[in-house]
Structure formats: C-alpha cells, structure tokens
Amino acid sequence: MHEVNAELDRGESMVVVLAAVGLTPIDAVSDTNVYDLEVNDFDGTAVISSYAIDRRMQRPYLHTER
C-alpha cells in the first residue's frame, strides 16, 4: 500500500493488480514504470511487466506479474 499511496501522491496514473480471491493488492504499476501488458483472451489472464530496481543488488530488472 505504501507504493500505491506514494504514486497517487505524485499524481501518477496507476494499475493495481488484485489477487484472484478477495481484494488484496499484490502489485502496483504506474505509467512511469510500465513496460508491457499481455492479455490472454483465451483464459482471461494477463501478464503485466514493469521496470523495477533490485534493492539488494541496486540493479534494474524487468518485473512480471501474472
């Protein structure tokens, strides 16, 4: 929720990925770090990719969430 609130405070547009059961947010992607969204029309799932920083290694990487 900290990430969501920080992006909203900056006035960014955002996508929040919710868990299949309930409304627990599991990932948040803003228009500043989104890379791609692939929707599978067959089963209704999607994969969203975003730019991220590995905090331990201090290196950028592409994060994906289904």
C-alpha atoms as a PDB file:
ATOM      1  CA  MET A   1       0.000   0.000   0.000  1.00  0.00           C
ATOM      2  CA  HIS A   2       2.966   2.314   0.583  1.00  0.00           C
ATOM      3  CA  GLU A   3       3.873   2.107  -3.124  1.00  0.00           C
ATOM      4  CA  VAL A   4       0.283   2.812  -4.180  1.00  0.00           C
ATOM      5  CA  ASN A   5      -0.026   5.830  -1.871  1.00  0.00           C
ATOM      6  CA  ALA A   6       3.332   7.250  -2.996  1.00  0.00           C
ATOM      7  CA  GLU A   7       2.353   7.050  -6.671  1.00  0.00           C
ATOM      8  CA  LEU A   8      -1.044   8.611  -6.006  1.00  0.00           C
ATOM      9  CA  ASP A   9       0.632  11.457  -4.088  1.00  0.00           C
ATOM     10  CA  ARG A  10       2.757  12.140  -7.187  1.00  0.00           C
ATOM     11  CA  GLY A  11      -0.398  12.262  -9.326  1.00  0.00           C
ATOM     12  CA  GLU A  12       0.593   9.294 -11.487  1.00  0.00           C
ATOM     13  CA  SER A  13      -1.831   7.064 -13.360  1.00  0.00           C
ATOM     14  CA  MET A  14      -1.724   3.570 -11.966  1.00  0.00           C
ATOM     15  CA  VAL A  15      -2.754  -0.046 -12.422  1.00  0.00           C
ATOM     16  CA  VAL A  16      -3.216  -2.151  -9.295  1.00  0.00           C
ATOM     17  CA  VAL A  17      -3.127  -5.941  -9.722  1.00  0.00           C
ATOM     18  CA  LEU A  18      -5.514  -7.680  -7.325  1.00  0.00           C
ATOM     19  CA  ALA A  19      -5.465 -11.235  -6.013  1.00  0.00           C
ATOM     20  CA  ALA A  20      -7.921 -13.672  -7.575  1.00  0.00           C
ATOM     21  CA  VAL A  21      -9.698 -14.136  -4.241  1.00  0.00           C
ATOM     22  CA  GLY A  22     -10.674 -11.004  -2.355  1.00  0.00           C
ATOM     23  CA  LEU A  23      -9.330  -7.529  -2.947  1.00  0.00           C
ATOM     24  CA  THR A  24      -5.767  -7.840  -1.671  1.00  0.00           C
ATOM     25  CA  PRO A  25      -3.418  -5.760  -3.858  1.00  0.00           C
ATOM     26  CA  ILE A  26      -0.363  -7.781  -4.887  1.00  0.00           C
ATOM     27  CA  ASP A  27       1.341  -5.334  -7.251  1.00  0.00           C
ATOM     28  CA  ALA A  28       1.073  -1.742  -8.425  1.00  0.00           C
ATOM     29  CA  VAL A  29       2.363  -0.316 -11.693  1.00  0.00           C
ATOM     30  CA  SER A  30       2.309   3.363 -12.608  1.00  0.00           C
ATOM     31  CA  ASP A  31       2.625   4.986 -16.003  1.00  0.00           C
ATOM     32  CA  THR A  32       6.213   5.881 -15.061  1.00  0.00           C
ATOM     33  CA  ASN A  33       7.408   2.264 -14.877  1.00  0.00           C
ATOM     34  CA  VAL A  34       5.019   0.167 -17.002  1.00  0.00           C
ATOM     35  CA  TYR A  35       6.676  -1.821 -19.797  1.00  0.00           C
ATOM     36  CA  ASP A  36       4.024  -4.095 -21.307  1.00  0.00           C
ATOM     37  CA  LEU A  37       0.639  -5.734 -20.752  1.00  0.00           C
ATOM     38  CA  GLU A  38      -0.100  -9.057 -22.443  1.00  0.00           C
ATOM     39  CA  VAL A  39      -3.726 -10.205 -22.212  1.00  0.00           C
ATOM     40  CA  ASN A  40      -4.612 -13.838 -22.884  1.00  0.00           C
ATOM     41  CA  ASP A  41      -8.075 -13.680 -24.448  1.00  0.00           C
ATOM     42  CA  PHE A  42      -8.475 -17.455 -24.118  1.00  0.00           C
ATOM     43  CA  ASP A  43      -8.440 -17.673 -20.331  1.00  0.00           C
ATOM     44  CA  GLY A  44      -8.840 -14.020 -19.295  1.00  0.00           C
ATOM     45  CA  THR A  45      -5.467 -13.787 -17.566  1.00  0.00           C
ATOM     46  CA  ALA A  46      -2.810 -11.161 -18.192  1.00  0.00           C
ATOM     47  CA  VAL A  47       0.874 -10.580 -17.571  1.00  0.00           C
ATOM     48  CA  ILE A  48       1.989  -7.049 -16.728  1.00  0.00           C
ATOM     49  CA  SER A  49       5.673  -6.118 -16.962  1.00  0.00           C
ATOM     50  CA  SER A  50       7.283  -3.139 -15.301  1.00  0.00           C
ATOM     51  CA  TYR A  51      10.707  -1.677 -14.699  1.00  0.00           C
ATOM     52  CA  ALA A  52      11.994  -2.237 -11.162  1.00  0.00           C
ATOM     53  CA  ILE A  53      15.168  -1.939  -9.097  1.00  0.00           C
ATOM     54  CA  ASP A  54      16.618  -4.876  -7.182  1.00  0.00           C
ATOM     55  CA  ARG A  55      17.204  -3.178  -3.839  1.00  0.00           C
ATOM     56  CA  ARG A  56      19.814  -5.668  -2.710  1.00  0.00           C
ATOM     57  CA  MET A  57      21.933  -5.552  -5.876  1.00  0.00           C
ATOM     58  CA  GLN A  58      20.974  -1.961  -6.856  1.00  0.00           C
ATOM     59  CA  ARG A  59      20.363  -3.101 -10.442  1.00  0.00           C
ATOM     60  CA  PRO A  60      17.399  -2.559 -12.754  1.00  0.00           C
ATOM     61  CA  TYR A  61      15.344  -5.526 -13.947  1.00  0.00           C
ATOM     62  CA  LEU A  62      12.037  -6.278 -15.654  1.00  0.00           C
ATOM     63  CA  HIS A  63       9.427  -7.453 -13.134  1.00  0.00           C
ATOM     64  CA  THR A  64       6.479  -9.529 -14.381  1.00  0.00           C
ATOM     65  CA  GLU A  65       3.258 -10.371 -12.572  1.00  0.00           C
ATOM     66  CA  ARG A  66       0.522 -12.741 -13.745  1.00  0.00           C
END
